[in-house]
């Protein structure tokens, strides 16, 4: 039987625990670490784009930036689950 228009089980709704507002937790140290890591990734990305450097150094800085972005994503996931 197809769902009726009064069916309130919409799978597209985001559960309350996964809302982005769960990221903002100023009393939690992970929140501040997340901000620092994301700022560092931003700075490293800007550095690669704005300043000419040898290709090997550009690759090293890019790898660090991507590692920081991955760490930031993991921290964000942890904050959203807490």
PDB file of N, CA and C in Angstrom:
ATOM      1  N   UNK A   1       0.849  -1.174   0.000  1.00  0.00           N
ATOM      2  CA  UNK A   1       0.000   0.000   0.000  1.00  0.00           C
ATOM      3  C   UNK A   1       0.897   1.241   0.000  1.00  0.00           C
ATOM      4  N   UNK A   2       0.682   2.193  -0.901  1.00  0.00           N
ATOM      5  CA  UNK A   2       1.512   3.391  -0.953  1.00  0.00           C
ATOM      6  C   UNK A   2       1.269   4.281   0.266  1.00  0.00           C
ATOM      7  N   UNK A   3       2.287   5.031   0.690  1.00  0.00           N
ATOM      8  CA  UNK A   3       2.105   5.893   1.855  1.00  0.00           C
ATOM      9  C   UNK A   3       1.101   6.994   1.557  1.00  0.00           C
ATOM     10  N   UNK A   4       0.295   7.284   2.536  1.00  0.00           N
ATOM     11  CA  UNK A   4      -0.716   8.323   2.361  1.00  0.00           C
ATOM     12  C   UNK A   4      -0.103   9.688   2.654  1.00  0.00           C
ATOM     13  N   UNK A   5      -0.857  10.731   2.344  1.00  0.00           N
ATOM     14  CA  UNK A   5      -0.355  12.086   2.566  1.00  0.00           C
ATOM     15  C   UNK A   5      -0.297  12.416   4.053  1.00  0.00           C
ATOM     16  N   UNK A   6      -0.931  11.591   4.880  1.00  0.00           N
ATOM     17  CA  UNK A   6      -0.900  11.840   6.328  1.00  0.00           C
ATOM     18  C   UNK A   6       0.197  11.041   7.015  1.00  0.00           C
ATOM     19  N   UNK A   7       0.983  10.298   6.233  1.00  0.00           N
ATOM     20  CA  UNK A   7       2.069   9.513   6.804  1.00  0.00           C
ATOM     21  C   UNK A   7       3.189  10.462   7.230  1.00  0.00           C
ATOM     22  N   UNK A   8       3.541  10.462   8.516  1.00  0.00           N
ATOM     23  CA  UNK A   8       4.517  11.405   9.056  1.00  0.00           C
ATOM     24  C   UNK A   8       5.906  10.800   9.197  1.00  0.00           C
ATOM     25  N   UNK A   9       6.155   9.678   8.586  1.00  0.00           N
ATOM     26  CA  UNK A   9       7.479   9.057   8.671  1.00  0.00           C
ATOM     27  C   UNK A   9       8.271   9.419   7.419  1.00  0.00           C
ATOM     28  N   UNK A  10       8.707  10.650   7.347  1.00  0.00           N
ATOM     29  CA  UNK A  10       9.479  11.134   6.206  1.00  0.00           C
ATOM     30  C   UNK A  10      10.951  10.836   6.443  1.00  0.00           C
ATOM     31  N   UNK A  11      11.536  10.003   5.599  1.00  0.00           N
ATOM     32  CA  UNK A  11      12.930   9.602   5.784  1.00  0.00           C
ATOM     33  C   UNK A  11      13.903  10.721   5.432  1.00  0.00           C
ATOM     34  N   UNK A  12      13.424  11.782   4.796  1.00  0.00           N
ATOM     35  CA  UNK A  12      14.302  12.891   4.432  1.00  0.00           C
ATOM     36  C   UNK A  12      14.568  13.834   5.604  1.00  0.00           C
ATOM     37  N   UNK A  13      13.801  13.726   6.661  1.00  0.00           N
ATOM     38  CA  UNK A  13      14.011  14.596   7.813  1.00  0.00           C
ATOM     39  C   UNK A  13      15.276  14.188   8.537  1.00  0.00           C
ATOM     40  N   UNK A  14      16.021  15.173   8.997  1.00  0.00           N
ATOM     41  CA  UNK A  14      17.265  14.918   9.702  1.00  0.00           C
ATOM     42  C   UNK A  14      16.959  14.651  11.170  1.00  0.00           C
ATOM     43  N   UNK A  15      17.477  13.554  11.705  1.00  0.00           N
ATOM     44  CA  UNK A  15      17.283  13.306  13.129  1.00  0.00           C
ATOM     45  C   UNK A  15      17.915  14.423  13.953  1.00  0.00           C
ATOM     46  N   UNK A  16      17.363  14.728  15.125  1.00  0.00           N
ATOM     47  CA  UNK A  16      17.870  15.845  15.927  1.00  0.00           C
ATOM     48  C   UNK A  16      19.344  15.734  16.276  1.00  0.00           C
ATOM     49  N   UNK A  17      19.866  14.521  16.463  1.00  0.00           N
ATOM     50  CA  UNK A  17      21.261  14.386  16.883  1.00  0.00           C
ATOM     51  C   UNK A  17      22.251  14.689  15.774  1.00  0.00           C
ATOM     52  N   UNK A  18      21.813  14.726  14.515  1.00  0.00           N
ATOM     53  CA  UNK A  18      22.757  14.968  13.429  1.00  0.00           C
ATOM     54  C   UNK A  18      22.635  16.377  12.861  1.00  0.00           C
ATOM     55  N   UNK A  19      21.973  17.262  13.548  1.00  0.00           N
ATOM     56  CA  UNK A  19      21.881  18.635  13.075  1.00  0.00           C
ATOM     57  C   UNK A  19      23.232  19.315  13.193  1.00  0.00           C
ATOM     58  N   UNK A  20      23.472  20.246  12.306  1.00  0.00           N
ATOM     59  CA  UNK A  20      24.743  20.963  12.321  1.00  0.00           C
ATOM     60  C   UNK A  20      24.915  21.811  13.577  1.00  0.00           C
ATOM     61  N   UNK A  21      23.828  22.177  14.218  1.00  0.00           N
ATOM     62  CA  UNK A  21      23.947  22.969  15.443  1.00  0.00           C
ATOM     63  C   UNK A  21      24.645  22.184  16.553  1.00  0.00           C
ATOM     64  N   UNK A  22      24.753  20.880  16.404  1.00  0.00           N
ATOM     65  CA  UNK A  22      25.463  20.067  17.391  1.00  0.00           C
ATOM     66  C   UNK A  22      26.970  20.311  17.342  1.00  0.00           C
ATOM     67  N   UNK A  23      27.455  20.937  16.263  1.00  0.00           N
ATOM     68  CA  UNK A  23      28.883  21.208  16.156  1.00  0.00           C
ATOM     69  C   UNK A  23      29.331  22.313  17.105  1.00  0.00           C
ATOM     70  N   UNK A  24      28.461  23.272  17.370  1.00  0.00           N
ATOM     71  CA  UNK A  24      28.828  24.425  18.189  1.00  0.00           C
ATOM     72  C   UNK A  24      28.697  24.055  19.657  1.00  0.00           C
ATOM     73  N   UNK A  25      29.829  23.710  20.255  1.00  0.00           N
ATOM     74  CA  UNK A  25      29.884  23.338  21.665  1.00  0.00           C
ATOM     75  C   UNK A  25      31.092  24.044  22.292  1.00  0.00           C
ATOM     76  N   UNK A  26      30.973  25.347  22.607  1.00  0.00           N
ATOM     77  CA  UNK A  26      32.131  26.114  23.081  1.00  0.00           C
ATOM     78  C   UNK A  26      32.777  25.568  24.359  1.00  0.00           C
ATOM     79  N   UNK A  27      32.067  24.801  25.128  1.00  0.00           N
ATOM     80  CA  UNK A  27      32.639  24.255  26.365  1.00  0.00           C
ATOM     81  C   UNK A  27      33.409  22.961  26.131  1.00  0.00           C
ATOM     82  N   UNK A  28      33.337  22.454  24.919  1.00  0.00           N
ATOM     83  CA  UNK A  28      34.004  21.202  24.575  1.00  0.00           C
ATOM     84  C   UNK A  28      35.333  21.518  23.874  1.00  0.00           C
ATOM     85  N   UNK A  29      36.407  20.935  24.341  1.00  0.00           N
ATOM     86  CA  UNK A  29      37.713  21.168  23.748  1.00  0.00           C
ATOM     87  C   UNK A  29      37.804  20.713  22.300  1.00  0.00           C
ATOM     88  N   UNK A  30      37.036  19.685  21.931  1.00  0.00           N
ATOM     89  CA  UNK A  30      37.047  19.212  20.542  1.00  0.00           C
ATOM     90  C   UNK A  30      36.559  20.288  19.578  1.00  0.00           C
ATOM     91  N   UNK A  31      35.636  21.113  20.033  1.00  0.00           N
ATOM     92  CA  UNK A  31      35.123  22.202  19.200  1.00  0.00           C
ATOM     93  C   UNK A  31      36.246  23.174  18.845  1.00  0.00           C
ATOM     94  N   UNK A  32      37.043  23.552  19.827  1.00  0.00           N
ATOM     95  CA  UNK A  32      38.133  24.496  19.586  1.00  0.00           C
ATOM     96  C   UNK A  32      39.246  23.855  18.760  1.00  0.00           C
ATOM     97  N   UNK A  33      39.474  22.571  18.969  1.00  0.00           N
ATOM     98  CA  UNK A  33      40.452  21.858  18.146  1.00  0.00           C
ATOM     99  C   UNK A  33      39.968  21.787  16.694  1.00  0.00           C
ATOM    100  N   UNK A  34      38.686  21.579  16.504  1.00  0.00           N
ATOM    101  CA  UNK A  34      38.096  21.565  15.169  1.00  0.00           C
ATOM    102  C   UNK A  34      38.307  22.910  14.480  1.00  0.00           C
ATOM    103  N   UNK A  35      38.073  23.999  15.189  1.00  0.00           N
ATOM    104  CA  UNK A  35      38.284  25.321  14.609  1.00  0.00           C
ATOM    105  C   UNK A  35      39.753  25.543  14.239  1.00  0.00           C
ATOM    106  N   UNK A  36      40.655  25.155  15.127  1.00  0.00           N
ATOM    107  CA  UNK A  36      42.087  25.340  14.863  1.00  0.00           C
ATOM    108  C   UNK A  36      42.540  24.522  13.657  1.00  0.00           C
ATOM    109  N   UNK A  37      42.087  23.282  13.566  1.00  0.00           N
ATOM    110  CA  UNK A  37      42.472  22.413  12.444  1.00  0.00           C
ATOM    111  C   UNK A  37      41.923  22.964  11.134  1.00  0.00           C
ATOM    112  N   UNK A  38      40.680  23.439  11.146  1.00  0.00           N
ATOM    113  CA  UNK A  38      40.104  23.985   9.925  1.00  0.00           C
ATOM    114  C   UNK A  38      40.799  25.280   9.504  1.00  0.00           C
ATOM    115  N   UNK A  39      41.167  26.109  10.452  1.00  0.00           N
ATOM    116  CA  UNK A  39      41.912  27.322  10.115  1.00  0.00           C
ATOM    117  C   UNK A  39      43.290  26.985   9.545  1.00  0.00           C
ATOM    118  N   UNK A  40      43.926  25.976  10.108  1.00  0.00           N
ATOM    119  CA  UNK A  40      45.220  25.553   9.589  1.00  0.00           C
ATOM    120  C   UNK A  40      45.085  25.006   8.168  1.00  0.00           C
ATOM    121  N   UNK A  41      44.042  24.249   7.891  1.00  0.00           N
ATOM    122  CA  UNK A  41      43.804  23.746   6.533  1.00  0.00           C
ATOM    123  C   UNK A  41      43.582  24.903   5.563  1.00  0.00           C
ATOM    124  N   UNK A  42      42.833  25.892   6.003  1.00  0.00           N
ATOM    125  CA  UNK A  42      42.592  27.069   5.178  1.00  0.00           C
ATOM    126  C   UNK A  42      43.903  27.792   4.873  1.00  0.00           C
ATOM    127  N   UNK A  43      44.725  27.970   5.888  1.00  0.00           N
ATOM    128  CA  UNK A  43      46.005  28.637   5.719  1.00  0.00           C
ATOM    129  C   UNK A  43      46.923  27.855   4.778  1.00  0.00           C
ATOM    130  N   UNK A  44      46.976  26.546   4.932  1.00  0.00           N
ATOM    131  CA  UNK A  44      47.823  25.722   4.066  1.00  0.00           C
ATOM    132  C   UNK A  44      47.336  25.749   2.621  1.00  0.00           C
ATOM    133  N   UNK A  45      46.041  25.708   2.430  1.00  0.00           N
ATOM    134  CA  UNK A  45      45.487  25.789   1.078  1.00  0.00           C
ATOM    135  C   UNK A  45      45.798  27.121   0.421  1.00  0.00           C
ATOM    136  N   UNK A  46      45.681  28.196   1.181  1.00  0.00           N
ATOM    137  CA  UNK A  46      46.014  29.517   0.662  1.00  0.00           C
ATOM    138  C   UNK A  46      47.503  29.603   0.313  1.00  0.00           C
ATOM    139  N   UNK A  47      48.325  29.029   1.171  1.00  0.00           N
ATOM    140  CA  UNK A  47      49.767  29.059   0.956  1.00  0.00           C
ATOM    141  C   UNK A  47      50.146  28.383  -0.364  1.00  0.00           C
ATOM    142  N   UNK A  48      49.535  27.256  -0.649  1.00  0.00           N
ATOM    143  CA  UNK A  48      49.833  26.525  -1.891  1.00  0.00           C
ATOM    144  C   UNK A  48      49.391  27.342  -3.105  1.00  0.00           C
ATOM    145  N   UNK A  49      48.239  27.996  -2.995  1.00  0.00           N
ATOM    146  CA  UNK A  49      47.710  28.732  -4.141  1.00  0.00           C
ATOM    147  C   UNK A  49      48.373  30.093  -4.342  1.00  0.00           C
ATOM    148  N   UNK A  50      48.755  30.772  -3.269  1.00  0.00           N
ATOM    149  CA  UNK A  50      49.192  32.160  -3.368  1.00  0.00           C
ATOM    150  C   UNK A  50      50.688  32.325  -3.575  1.00  0.00           C
ATOM    151  N   UNK A  51      51.478  31.379  -3.144  1.00  0.00           N
ATOM    152  CA  UNK A  51      52.930  31.534  -3.216  1.00  0.00           C
ATOM    153  C   UNK A  51      53.545  30.461  -4.099  1.00  0.00           C
ATOM    154  N   UNK A  52      54.360  30.900  -5.055  1.00  0.00           N
ATOM    155  CA  UNK A  52      55.036  29.891  -5.888  1.00  0.00           C
ATOM    156  C   UNK A  52      56.065  29.120  -5.062  1.00  0.00           C
ATOM    157  N   UNK A  53      56.068  27.832  -5.232  1.00  0.00           N
ATOM    158  CA  UNK A  53      57.012  26.980  -4.513  1.00  0.00           C
ATOM    159  C   UNK A  53      57.358  25.786  -5.380  1.00  0.00           C
ATOM    160  N   UNK A  54      58.465  25.137  -5.077  1.00  0.00           N
ATOM    161  CA  UNK A  54      58.825  23.934  -5.849  1.00  0.00           C
ATOM    162  C   UNK A  54      57.721  22.873  -5.757  1.00  0.00           C
ATOM    163  N   UNK A  55      57.546  22.112  -6.810  1.00  0.00           N
ATOM    164  CA  UNK A  55      56.465  21.113  -6.829  1.00  0.00           C
ATOM    165  C   UNK A  55      56.503  20.135  -5.650  1.00  0.00           C
ATOM    166  N   UNK A  56      57.686  19.710  -5.245  1.00  0.00           N
ATOM    167  CA  UNK A  56      57.763  18.755  -4.130  1.00  0.00           C
ATOM    168  C   UNK A  56      57.219  19.387  -2.850  1.00  0.00           C
ATOM    169  N   UNK A  57      57.591  20.635  -2.591  1.00  0.00           N
ATOM    170  CA  UNK A  57      57.098  21.333  -1.403  1.00  0.00           C
ATOM    171  C   UNK A  57      55.593  21.566  -1.496  1.00  0.00           C
ATOM    172  N   UNK A  58      55.101  21.895  -2.685  1.00  0.00           N
ATOM    173  CA  UNK A  58      53.659  22.087  -2.876  1.00  0.00           C
ATOM    174  C   UNK A  58      52.901  20.795  -2.581  1.00  0.00           C
ATOM    175  N   UNK A  59      53.444  19.660  -2.989  1.00  0.00           N
ATOM    176  CA  UNK A  59      52.795  18.370  -2.713  1.00  0.00           C
ATOM    177  C   UNK A  59      52.789  18.086  -1.213  1.00  0.00           C
ATOM    178  N   UNK A  60      53.897  18.363  -0.531  1.00  0.00           N
ATOM    179  CA  UNK A  60      53.974  18.124   0.913  1.00  0.00           C
ATOM    180  C   UNK A  60      52.961  18.991   1.656  1.00  0.00           C
ATOM    181  N   UNK A  61      52.889  20.269   1.305  1.00  0.00           N
ATOM    182  CA  UNK A  61      51.941  21.175   1.968  1.00  0.00           C
ATOM    183  C   UNK A  61      50.504  20.751   1.665  1.00  0.00           C
ATOM    184  N   UNK A  62      50.257  20.330   0.430  1.00  0.00           N
ATOM    185  CA  UNK A  62      48.909  19.867   0.058  1.00  0.00           C
ATOM    186  C   UNK A  62      48.522  18.619   0.845  1.00  0.00           C
ATOM    187  N   UNK A  63      49.446  17.704   1.029  1.00  0.00           N
ATOM    188  CA  UNK A  63      49.155  16.494   1.809  1.00  0.00           C
ATOM    189  C   UNK A  63      48.831  16.860   3.254  1.00  0.00           C
ATOM    190  N   UNK A  64      49.574  17.801   3.817  1.00  0.00           N
ATOM    191  CA  UNK A  64      49.262  18.257   5.175  1.00  0.00           C
ATOM    192  C   UNK A  64      47.877  18.904   5.229  1.00  0.00           C
ATOM    193  N   UNK A  65      47.544  19.710   4.228  1.00  0.00           N
ATOM    194  CA  UNK A  65      46.233  20.358   4.193  1.00  0.00           C
ATOM    195  C   UNK A  65      45.115  19.324   4.108  1.00  0.00           C
ATOM    196  N   UNK A  66      45.302  18.312   3.277  1.00  0.00           N
ATOM    197  CA  UNK A  66      44.279  17.262   3.162  1.00  0.00           C
ATOM    198  C   UNK A  66      44.173  16.442   4.446  1.00  0.00           C
ATOM    199  N   UNK A  67      45.307  16.184   5.083  1.00  0.00           N
ATOM    200  CA  UNK A  67      45.284  15.484   6.371  1.00  0.00           C
ATOM    201  C   UNK A  67      44.548  16.283   7.426  1.00  0.00           C
ATOM    202  N   UNK A  68      44.777  17.582   7.444  1.00  0.00           N
ATOM    203  CA  UNK A  68      44.066  18.438   8.382  1.00  0.00           C
ATOM    204  C   UNK A  68      42.568  18.453   8.091  1.00  0.00           C
ATOM    205  N   UNK A  69      42.209  18.477   6.819  1.00  0.00           N
ATOM    206  CA  UNK A  69      40.793  18.455   6.453  1.00  0.00           C
ATOM    207  C   UNK A  69      40.142  17.144   6.901  1.00  0.00           C
ATOM    208  N   UNK A  70      40.847  16.032   6.732  1.00  0.00           N
ATOM    209  CA  UNK A  70      40.321  14.738   7.196  1.00  0.00           C
ATOM    210  C   UNK A  70      40.170  14.699   8.704  1.00  0.00           C
ATOM    211  N   UNK A  71      41.161  15.232   9.410  1.00  0.00           N
ATOM    212  CA  UNK A  71      41.069  15.299  10.869  1.00  0.00           C
ATOM    213  C   UNK A  71      39.906  16.185  11.294  1.00  0.00           C
ATOM    214  N   UNK A  72      39.722  17.298  10.587  1.00  0.00           N
ATOM    215  CA  UNK A  72      38.590  18.183  10.885  1.00  0.00           C
ATOM    216  C   UNK A  72      37.253  17.489  10.674  1.00  0.00           C
ATOM    217  N   UNK A  73      37.145  16.701   9.618  1.00  0.00           N
ATOM    218  CA  UNK A  73      35.908  15.959   9.356  1.00  0.00           C
ATOM    219  C   UNK A  73      35.652  14.922  10.461  1.00  0.00           C
ATOM    220  N   UNK A  74      36.724  14.254  10.903  1.00  0.00           N
ATOM    221  CA  UNK A  74      36.569  13.268  11.976  1.00  0.00           C
ATOM    222  C   UNK A  74      36.150  13.949  13.283  1.00  0.00           C
ATOM    223  N   UNK A  75      36.730  15.105  13.573  1.00  0.00           N
ATOM    224  CA  UNK A  75      36.350  15.836  14.785  1.00  0.00           C
ATOM    225  C   UNK A  75      34.897  16.314  14.697  1.00  0.00           C
ATOM    226  N   UNK A  76      34.500  16.790  13.522  1.00  0.00           N
ATOM    227  CA  UNK A  76      33.115  17.230  13.344  1.00  0.00           C
ATOM    228  C   UNK A  76      32.152  16.055  13.548  1.00  0.00           C
ATOM    229  N   UNK A  77      32.505  14.907  13.018  1.00  0.00           N
ATOM    230  CA  UNK A  77      31.662  13.712  13.188  1.00  0.00           C
ATOM    231  C   UNK A  77      31.531  13.354  14.666  1.00  0.00           C
ATOM    232  N   UNK A  78      32.646  13.434  15.389  1.00  0.00           N
ATOM    233  CA  UNK A  78      32.621  13.122  16.832  1.00  0.00           C
ATOM    234  C   UNK A  78      31.765  14.108  17.604  1.00  0.00           C
ATOM    235  N   UNK A  79      31.853  15.381  17.238  1.00  0.00           N
ATOM    236  CA  UNK A  79      31.047  16.393  17.921  1.00  0.00           C
ATOM    237  C   UNK A  79      29.567  16.191  17.636  1.00  0.00           C
ATOM    238  N   UNK A  80      29.236  15.844  16.404  1.00  0.00           N
ATOM    239  CA  UNK A  80      27.832  15.643  16.067  1.00  0.00           C
ATOM    240  C   UNK A  80      27.249  14.417  16.747  1.00  0.00           C
ATOM    241  N   UNK A  81      28.083  13.441  17.045  1.00  0.00           N
ATOM    242  CA  UNK A  81      27.598  12.221  17.691  1.00  0.00           C
ATOM    243  C   UNK A  81      27.548  12.331  19.210  1.00  0.00           C
ATOM    244  N   UNK A  82      28.216  13.351  19.754  1.00  0.00           N
ATOM    245  CA  UNK A  82      28.245  13.464  21.237  1.00  0.00           C
ATOM    246  C   UNK A  82      27.024  14.177  21.761  1.00  0.00           C
TER     247      UNK A  82
END
